[in-house]
Amino acid sequence: MLRILGRATSINVRKVLWTCAEIGIEHVREDWGRGYRSTREAEFLRLNPNGLIPVLVDGDFVLWESNAICRYLARSRGRDDLLPVDWRQGALVEQWMDWQAGTLGAAASYAFHALVRQSPDHRDEAQIASSLARWQEAMAILDAQLAATGAHAVGAAFTLADIVLGLSVHRWYQTPFDKPEFGAVRDYYQRLHARPGFVANGPQGAP
């Protein structure tokens, strides 16, 4: 049985859970991370020396980094609809996945921890303002892309890019601050609610 190590309130763990839901992969999830078993325990560090969740254990194969796990699950189960084998289409999916992790998620991080997590380590007003400004700039880029495709991140079809971006969009709407109206993002968010995997790991999951 496939094992997923990490608490279900983590956005990165929920990427993997939603991917499993889309593909129909049976799995067991084990609670690790904040509020549960420490990822600094030797048992966990043997699997991921970074001490971060999620970690995937598939038989004797171990993998960490959430977006890499999502790609592995799609490829290993032959889900070319989620990650196209066409090298250009596949590259576009991976481009937006990497952008979510490296640009969108990074921009949102400080403000999210301050306004949602209420972290005592994220109380600097200047850094909150900077994070919100960068987050809005990134969301404007996403809004323009969704307006251009009229549907999903890379076109008409739902892909892995929409799993990682969809959860980031959910986080955007769940963070309390005055937001500009991004019509294409709003419509996209509403469309995602038709997918049971999103409902289970977005609105019914966590911010």
C-alpha atoms as a PDB file:
ATOM      1  CA  MET A   1       0.000   0.000   0.000  1.00  0.00           C
ATOM      2  CA  LEU A   2       1.290   3.435  -0.954  1.00  0.00           C
ATOM      3  CA  ARG A   3       2.225   5.524   2.089  1.00  0.00           C
ATOM      4  CA  ILE A   4       2.027   9.309   2.300  1.00  0.00           C
ATOM      5  CA  LEU A   5       3.785  10.866   5.260  1.00  0.00           C
ATOM      6  CA  GLY A   6       2.527  14.275   6.354  1.00  0.00           C
ATOM      7  CA  ARG A   7      -0.331  16.064   8.102  1.00  0.00           C
ATOM      8  CA  ALA A   8      -3.434  16.662   6.011  1.00  0.00           C
ATOM      9  CA  THR A   9      -3.491  20.399   6.814  1.00  0.00           C
ATOM     10  CA  SER A  10      -0.320  20.951   4.758  1.00  0.00           C
ATOM     11  CA  ILE A  11      -0.950  22.386   1.279  1.00  0.00           C
ATOM     12  CA  ASN A  12       1.901  20.276  -0.088  1.00  0.00           C
ATOM     13  CA  VAL A  13       0.469  17.084   1.360  1.00  0.00           C
ATOM     14  CA  ARG A  14      -2.950  17.989  -0.056  1.00  0.00           C
ATOM     15  CA  LYS A  15      -1.433  18.299  -3.547  1.00  0.00           C
ATOM     16  CA  VAL A  16      -0.495  14.634  -3.291  1.00  0.00           C
ATOM     17  CA  LEU A  17      -3.832  13.603  -1.785  1.00  0.00           C
ATOM     18  CA  TRP A  18      -5.759  15.363  -4.542  1.00  0.00           C
ATOM     19  CA  THR A  19      -3.571  13.720  -7.178  1.00  0.00           C
ATOM     20  CA  CYS A  20      -4.324  10.337  -5.629  1.00  0.00           C
ATOM     21  CA  ALA A  21      -8.030  11.174  -5.696  1.00  0.00           C
ATOM     22  CA  GLU A  22      -7.942  12.130  -9.384  1.00  0.00           C
ATOM     23  CA  ILE A  23      -6.140   8.901 -10.317  1.00  0.00           C
ATOM     24  CA  GLY A  24      -7.931   6.635  -7.850  1.00  0.00           C
ATOM     25  CA  ILE A  25      -4.831   5.504  -5.978  1.00  0.00           C
ATOM     26  CA  GLU A  26      -5.372   3.673  -2.705  1.00  0.00           C
ATOM     27  CA  HIS A  27      -3.039   4.893   0.003  1.00  0.00           C
ATOM     28  CA  VAL A  28      -2.533   5.352   3.699  1.00  0.00           C
ATOM     29  CA  ARG A  29      -1.560   8.699   5.171  1.00  0.00           C
ATOM     30  CA  GLU A  30       0.507   9.012   8.335  1.00  0.00           C
ATOM     31  CA  ASP A  31       0.498  12.140  10.504  1.00  0.00           C
ATOM     32  CA  TRP A  32       3.889  13.809  10.583  1.00  0.00           C
ATOM     33  CA  GLY A  33       4.755  17.455  11.071  1.00  0.00           C
ATOM     34  CA  ARG A  34       3.470  20.312  13.205  1.00  0.00           C
ATOM     35  CA  GLY A  35       1.233  18.974  15.963  1.00  0.00           C
ATOM     36  CA  TYR A  36       2.128  15.338  15.234  1.00  0.00           C
ATOM     37  CA  ARG A  37       5.306  13.266  15.097  1.00  0.00           C
ATOM     38  CA  SER A  38       8.365  15.391  14.565  1.00  0.00           C
ATOM     39  CA  THR A  39       9.973  15.322  11.151  1.00  0.00           C
ATOM     40  CA  ARG A  40      13.308  15.658  12.943  1.00  0.00           C
ATOM     41  CA  GLU A  41      13.046  12.092  14.224  1.00  0.00           C
ATOM     42  CA  ALA A  42      15.701   9.776  12.842  1.00  0.00           C
ATOM     43  CA  GLU A  43      13.051   7.550  11.259  1.00  0.00           C
ATOM     44  CA  PHE A  44      11.763  10.445   9.167  1.00  0.00           C
ATOM     45  CA  LEU A  45      15.159  11.939   8.353  1.00  0.00           C
ATOM     46  CA  ARG A  46      16.250   8.619   6.892  1.00  0.00           C
ATOM     47  CA  LEU A  47      13.486   9.111   4.326  1.00  0.00           C
ATOM     48  CA  ASN A  48      13.894  12.856   3.793  1.00  0.00           C
ATOM     49  CA  PRO A  49      17.044  14.501   5.160  1.00  0.00           C
ATOM     50  CA  ASN A  50      15.377  17.915   4.745  1.00  0.00           C
ATOM     51  CA  GLY A  51      12.848  17.051   7.457  1.00  0.00           C
ATOM     52  CA  LEU A  52       9.933  18.294   5.322  1.00  0.00           C
ATOM     53  CA  ILE A  53       6.577  16.839   4.333  1.00  0.00           C
ATOM     54  CA  PRO A  54       5.275  15.139   2.281  1.00  0.00           C
ATOM     55  CA  VAL A  55       7.232  11.968   1.714  1.00  0.00           C
ATOM     56  CA  LEU A  56       5.973   9.191  -0.544  1.00  0.00           C
ATOM     57  CA  VAL A  57       6.864   5.555   0.115  1.00  0.00           C
ATOM     58  CA  ASP A  58       5.877   3.259  -2.749  1.00  0.00           C
ATOM     59  CA  GLY A  59       7.272  -0.178  -1.910  1.00  0.00           C
ATOM     60  CA  ASP A  60      11.028   0.295  -1.755  1.00  0.00           C
ATOM     61  CA  PHE A  61      10.874   3.638  -3.575  1.00  0.00           C
ATOM     62  CA  VAL A  62      11.023   6.868  -1.540  1.00  0.00           C
ATOM     63  CA  LEU A  63      10.360  10.326  -2.956  1.00  0.00           C
ATOM     64  CA  TRP A  64      10.079  13.810  -1.508  1.00  0.00           C
ATOM     65  CA  GLU A  65       9.108  17.241  -2.926  1.00  0.00           C
ATOM     66  CA  SER A  66       5.359  17.516  -3.460  1.00  0.00           C
ATOM     67  CA  ASN A  67       5.361  18.471  -7.136  1.00  0.00           C
ATOM     68  CA  ALA A  68       7.825  15.684  -7.956  1.00  0.00           C
ATOM     69  CA  ILE A  69       5.539  13.235  -6.143  1.00  0.00           C
ATOM     70  CA  CYS A  70       2.532  14.390  -8.172  1.00  0.00           C
ATOM     71  CA  ARG A  71       4.486  13.906 -11.401  1.00  0.00           C
ATOM     72  CA  TYR A  72       5.616  10.456 -10.316  1.00  0.00           C
ATOM     73  CA  LEU A  73       2.075   9.378  -9.509  1.00  0.00           C
ATOM     74  CA  ALA A  74       0.763  10.546 -12.874  1.00  0.00           C
ATOM     75  CA  ARG A  75       3.597   8.982 -14.877  1.00  0.00           C
ATOM     76  CA  SER A  76       3.670   5.704 -12.978  1.00  0.00           C
ATOM     77  CA  ARG A  77      -0.069   5.236 -13.470  1.00  0.00           C
ATOM     78  CA  GLY A  78      -0.031   6.220 -17.138  1.00  0.00           C
ATOM     79  CA  ARG A  79      -2.115   9.366 -16.661  1.00  0.00           C
ATOM     80  CA  ASP A  80      -1.040  11.267 -19.750  1.00  0.00           C
ATOM     81  CA  ASP A  81      -4.085  13.502 -19.371  1.00  0.00           C
ATOM     82  CA  LEU A  82      -2.662  14.918 -16.146  1.00  0.00           C
ATOM     83  CA  LEU A  83       0.920  15.124 -17.428  1.00  0.00           C
ATOM     84  CA  PRO A  84       1.033  14.967 -21.238  1.00  0.00           C
ATOM     85  CA  VAL A  85       3.758  12.930 -22.943  1.00  0.00           C
ATOM     86  CA  ASP A  86       3.938  15.540 -25.697  1.00  0.00           C
ATOM     87  CA  TRP A  87       7.104  17.317 -24.683  1.00  0.00           C
ATOM     88  CA  ARG A  88       5.794  20.837 -25.231  1.00  0.00           C
ATOM     89  CA  GLN A  89       2.472  20.302 -23.478  1.00  0.00           C
ATOM     90  CA  GLY A  90       4.189  18.446 -20.665  1.00  0.00           C
ATOM     91  CA  ALA A  91       6.714  21.256 -20.286  1.00  0.00           C
ATOM     92  CA  LEU A  92       3.912  23.810 -19.977  1.00  0.00           C
ATOM     93  CA  VAL A  93       2.281  21.783 -17.205  1.00  0.00           C
ATOM     94  CA  GLU A  94       5.601  21.555 -15.361  1.00  0.00           C
ATOM     95  CA  GLN A  95       6.277  25.255 -15.960  1.00  0.00           C
ATOM     96  CA  TRP A  96       3.118  26.253 -14.094  1.00  0.00           C
ATOM     97  CA  MET A  97       3.738  23.683 -11.367  1.00  0.00           C
ATOM     98  CA  ASP A  98       7.202  25.097 -10.771  1.00  0.00           C
ATOM     99  CA  TRP A  99       5.855  28.650 -10.898  1.00  0.00           C
ATOM    100  CA  GLN A 100       3.335  27.776  -8.208  1.00  0.00           C
ATOM    101  CA  ALA A 101       6.058  26.529  -5.892  1.00  0.00           C
ATOM    102  CA  GLY A 102       8.789  29.032  -6.690  1.00  0.00           C
ATOM    103  CA  THR A 103       6.858  32.258  -7.313  1.00  0.00           C
ATOM    104  CA  LEU A 104       3.215  32.136  -6.227  1.00  0.00           C
ATOM    105  CA  GLY A 105       3.728  30.101  -3.068  1.00  0.00           C
ATOM    106  CA  ALA A 106       6.837  32.007  -2.066  1.00  0.00           C
ATOM    107  CA  ALA A 107       5.089  35.364  -2.497  1.00  0.00           C
ATOM    108  CA  ALA A 108       2.137  34.276  -0.359  1.00  0.00           C
ATOM    109  CA  SER A 109       4.094  32.599   2.408  1.00  0.00           C
ATOM    110  CA  TYR A 110       4.778  35.440   4.846  1.00  0.00           C
ATOM    111  CA  ALA A 111       1.302  36.973   4.618  1.00  0.00           C
ATOM    112  CA  PHE A 112      -0.385  33.589   4.928  1.00  0.00           C
ATOM    113  CA  HIS A 113       1.575  32.691   8.063  1.00  0.00           C
ATOM    114  CA  ALA A 114       0.811  36.093   9.555  1.00  0.00           C
ATOM    115  CA  LEU A 115      -2.885  36.363   8.711  1.00  0.00           C
ATOM    116  CA  VAL A 116      -4.055  32.744   8.791  1.00  0.00           C
ATOM    117  CA  ARG A 117      -1.582  30.828  10.921  1.00  0.00           C
ATOM    118  CA  GLN A 118      -1.213  33.808  13.276  1.00  0.00           C
ATOM    119  CA  SER A 119       2.457  32.936  13.576  1.00  0.00           C
ATOM    120  CA  PRO A 120       4.360  34.980  16.195  1.00  0.00           C
ATOM    121  CA  ASP A 121       7.369  34.815  13.883  1.00  0.00           C
ATOM    122  CA  HIS A 122       5.498  36.649  11.110  1.00  0.00           C
ATOM    123  CA  ARG A 123       4.448  39.933  12.697  1.00  0.00           C
ATOM    124  CA  ASP A 124       6.536  42.427  10.735  1.00  0.00           C
ATOM    125  CA  GLU A 125       4.043  44.787   9.084  1.00  0.00           C
ATOM    126  CA  ALA A 126       6.430  45.792   6.312  1.00  0.00           C
ATOM    127  CA  GLN A 127       7.070  42.172   5.386  1.00  0.00           C
ATOM    128  CA  ILE A 128       3.347  41.419   5.473  1.00  0.00           C
ATOM    129  CA  ALA A 129       2.691  44.327   3.111  1.00  0.00           C
ATOM    130  CA  SER A 130       5.504  43.224   0.805  1.00  0.00           C
ATOM    131  CA  SER A 131       4.211  39.658   0.738  1.00  0.00           C
ATOM    132  CA  LEU A 132       0.669  40.806  -0.060  1.00  0.00           C
ATOM    133  CA  ALA A 133       1.913  43.035  -2.881  1.00  0.00           C
ATOM    134  CA  ARG A 134       3.981  40.246  -4.437  1.00  0.00           C
ATOM    135  CA  TRP A 135       1.107  37.801  -3.985  1.00  0.00           C
ATOM    136  CA  GLN A 136      -1.283  40.107  -5.817  1.00  0.00           C
ATOM    137  CA  GLU A 137       1.227  40.562  -8.644  1.00  0.00           C
ATOM    138  CA  ALA A 138       1.514  36.792  -9.018  1.00  0.00           C
ATOM    139  CA  MET A 139      -2.254  36.340  -8.935  1.00  0.00           C
ATOM    140  CA  ALA A 140      -2.594  38.937 -11.689  1.00  0.00           C
ATOM    141  CA  ILE A 141      -0.286  36.792 -13.836  1.00  0.00           C
ATOM    142  CA  LEU A 142      -2.424  33.733 -13.131  1.00  0.00           C
ATOM    143  CA  ASP A 143      -5.614  35.674 -13.866  1.00  0.00           C
ATOM    144  CA  ALA A 144      -4.254  36.737 -17.255  1.00  0.00           C
ATOM    145  CA  GLN A 145      -3.287  33.151 -18.089  1.00  0.00           C
ATOM    146  CA  LEU A 146      -6.714  31.805 -17.125  1.00  0.00           C
ATOM    147  CA  ALA A 147      -8.421  34.540 -19.108  1.00  0.00           C
ATOM    148  CA  ALA A 148      -6.341  33.524 -22.128  1.00  0.00           C
ATOM    149  CA  THR A 149      -7.115  29.799 -21.855  1.00  0.00           C
ATOM    150  CA  GLY A 150     -10.721  30.275 -20.759  1.00  0.00           C
ATOM    151  CA  ALA A 151     -10.562  27.113 -18.689  1.00  0.00           C
ATOM    152  CA  HIS A 152      -7.462  25.687 -17.001  1.00  0.00           C
ATOM    153  CA  ALA A 153      -3.829  26.545 -16.472  1.00  0.00           C
ATOM    154  CA  VAL A 154      -2.491  25.329 -19.815  1.00  0.00           C
ATOM    155  CA  GLY A 155      -5.659  25.061 -21.891  1.00  0.00           C
ATOM    156  CA  ALA A 156      -9.017  23.321 -22.014  1.00  0.00           C
ATOM    157  CA  ALA A 157      -7.902  20.178 -20.170  1.00  0.00           C
ATOM    158  CA  PHE A 158      -7.414  19.732 -16.428  1.00  0.00           C
ATOM    159  CA  THR A 159      -3.810  18.784 -15.548  1.00  0.00           C
ATOM    160  CA  LEU A 160      -1.469  18.480 -12.598  1.00  0.00           C
ATOM    161  CA  ALA A 161      -0.849  22.213 -12.881  1.00  0.00           C
ATOM    162  CA  ASP A 162      -4.445  22.796 -11.817  1.00  0.00           C
ATOM    163  CA  ILE A 163      -4.009  20.689  -8.706  1.00  0.00           C
ATOM    164  CA  VAL A 164      -1.132  22.756  -7.362  1.00  0.00           C
ATOM    165  CA  LEU A 165      -2.542  26.073  -8.581  1.00  0.00           C
ATOM    166  CA  GLY A 166      -6.067  25.244  -7.416  1.00  0.00           C
ATOM    167  CA  LEU A 167      -4.930  24.785  -3.838  1.00  0.00           C
ATOM    168  CA  SER A 168      -2.990  28.046  -4.001  1.00  0.00           C
ATOM    169  CA  VAL A 169      -6.109  29.813  -5.274  1.00  0.00           C
ATOM    170  CA  HIS A 170      -8.062  28.337  -2.378  1.00  0.00           C
ATOM    171  CA  ARG A 171      -5.438  29.727  -0.014  1.00  0.00           C
ATOM    172  CA  TRP A 172      -5.825  33.145  -1.670  1.00  0.00           C
ATOM    173  CA  TYR A 173      -9.555  33.208  -1.000  1.00  0.00           C
ATOM    174  CA  GLN A 174      -9.213  31.902   2.550  1.00  0.00           C
ATOM    175  CA  THR A 175      -6.693  34.558   3.633  1.00  0.00           C
ATOM    176  CA  PRO A 176      -8.455  37.579   5.178  1.00  0.00           C
ATOM    177  CA  PHE A 177      -7.415  40.815   3.459  1.00  0.00           C
ATOM    178  CA  ASP A 178      -8.869  43.216   0.898  1.00  0.00           C
ATOM    179  CA  LYS A 179      -8.357  41.564  -2.485  1.00  0.00           C
ATOM    180  CA  PRO A 180      -8.650  42.902  -6.004  1.00  0.00           C
ATOM    181  CA  GLU A 181     -11.283  41.189  -8.128  1.00  0.00           C
ATOM    182  CA  PHE A 182      -9.717  38.715 -10.535  1.00  0.00           C
ATOM    183  CA  GLY A 183     -12.630  37.506 -12.642  1.00  0.00           C
ATOM    184  CA  ALA A 184     -10.847  34.650 -14.411  1.00  0.00           C
ATOM    185  CA  VAL A 185      -9.457  33.348 -11.113  1.00  0.00           C
ATOM    186  CA  ARG A 186     -12.921  33.557  -9.533  1.00  0.00           C
ATOM    187  CA  ASP A 187     -14.485  31.570 -12.373  1.00  0.00           C
ATOM    188  CA  TYR A 188     -11.657  29.030 -12.228  1.00  0.00           C
ATOM    189  CA  TYR A 189     -12.138  28.579  -8.491  1.00  0.00           C
ATOM    190  CA  GLN A 190     -15.848  27.941  -9.028  1.00  0.00           C
ATOM    191  CA  ARG A 191     -15.124  25.355 -11.751  1.00  0.00           C
ATOM    192  CA  LEU A 192     -12.760  23.490  -9.459  1.00  0.00           C
ATOM    193  CA  HIS A 193     -15.596  22.937  -6.993  1.00  0.00           C
ATOM    194  CA  ALA A 194     -17.063  20.425  -9.466  1.00  0.00           C
ATOM    195  CA  ARG A 195     -14.106  18.109  -8.791  1.00  0.00           C
ATOM    196  CA  PRO A 196     -14.522  15.883  -5.690  1.00  0.00           C
ATOM    197  CA  GLY A 197     -10.747  15.764  -5.192  1.00  0.00           C
ATOM    198  CA  PHE A 198     -10.634  19.526  -4.875  1.00  0.00           C
ATOM    199  CA  VAL A 199     -13.613  19.713  -2.519  1.00  0.00           C
ATOM    200  CA  ALA A 200     -12.056  17.089  -0.241  1.00  0.00           C
ATOM    201  CA  ASN A 201      -8.630  18.714  -0.149  1.00  0.00           C
ATOM    202  CA  GLY A 202      -9.485  22.382  -0.637  1.00  0.00           C
ATOM    203  CA  PRO A 203     -12.714  23.679   0.942  1.00  0.00           C
ATOM    204  CA  GLN A 204     -13.017  20.657   3.232  1.00  0.00           C
ATOM    205  CA  GLY A 205      -9.274  20.443   3.806  1.00  0.00           C
ATOM    206  CA  ALA A 206      -7.498  23.538   5.070  1.00  0.00           C
ATOM    207  CA  PRO A 207      -6.432  27.014   3.875  1.00  0.00           C
END
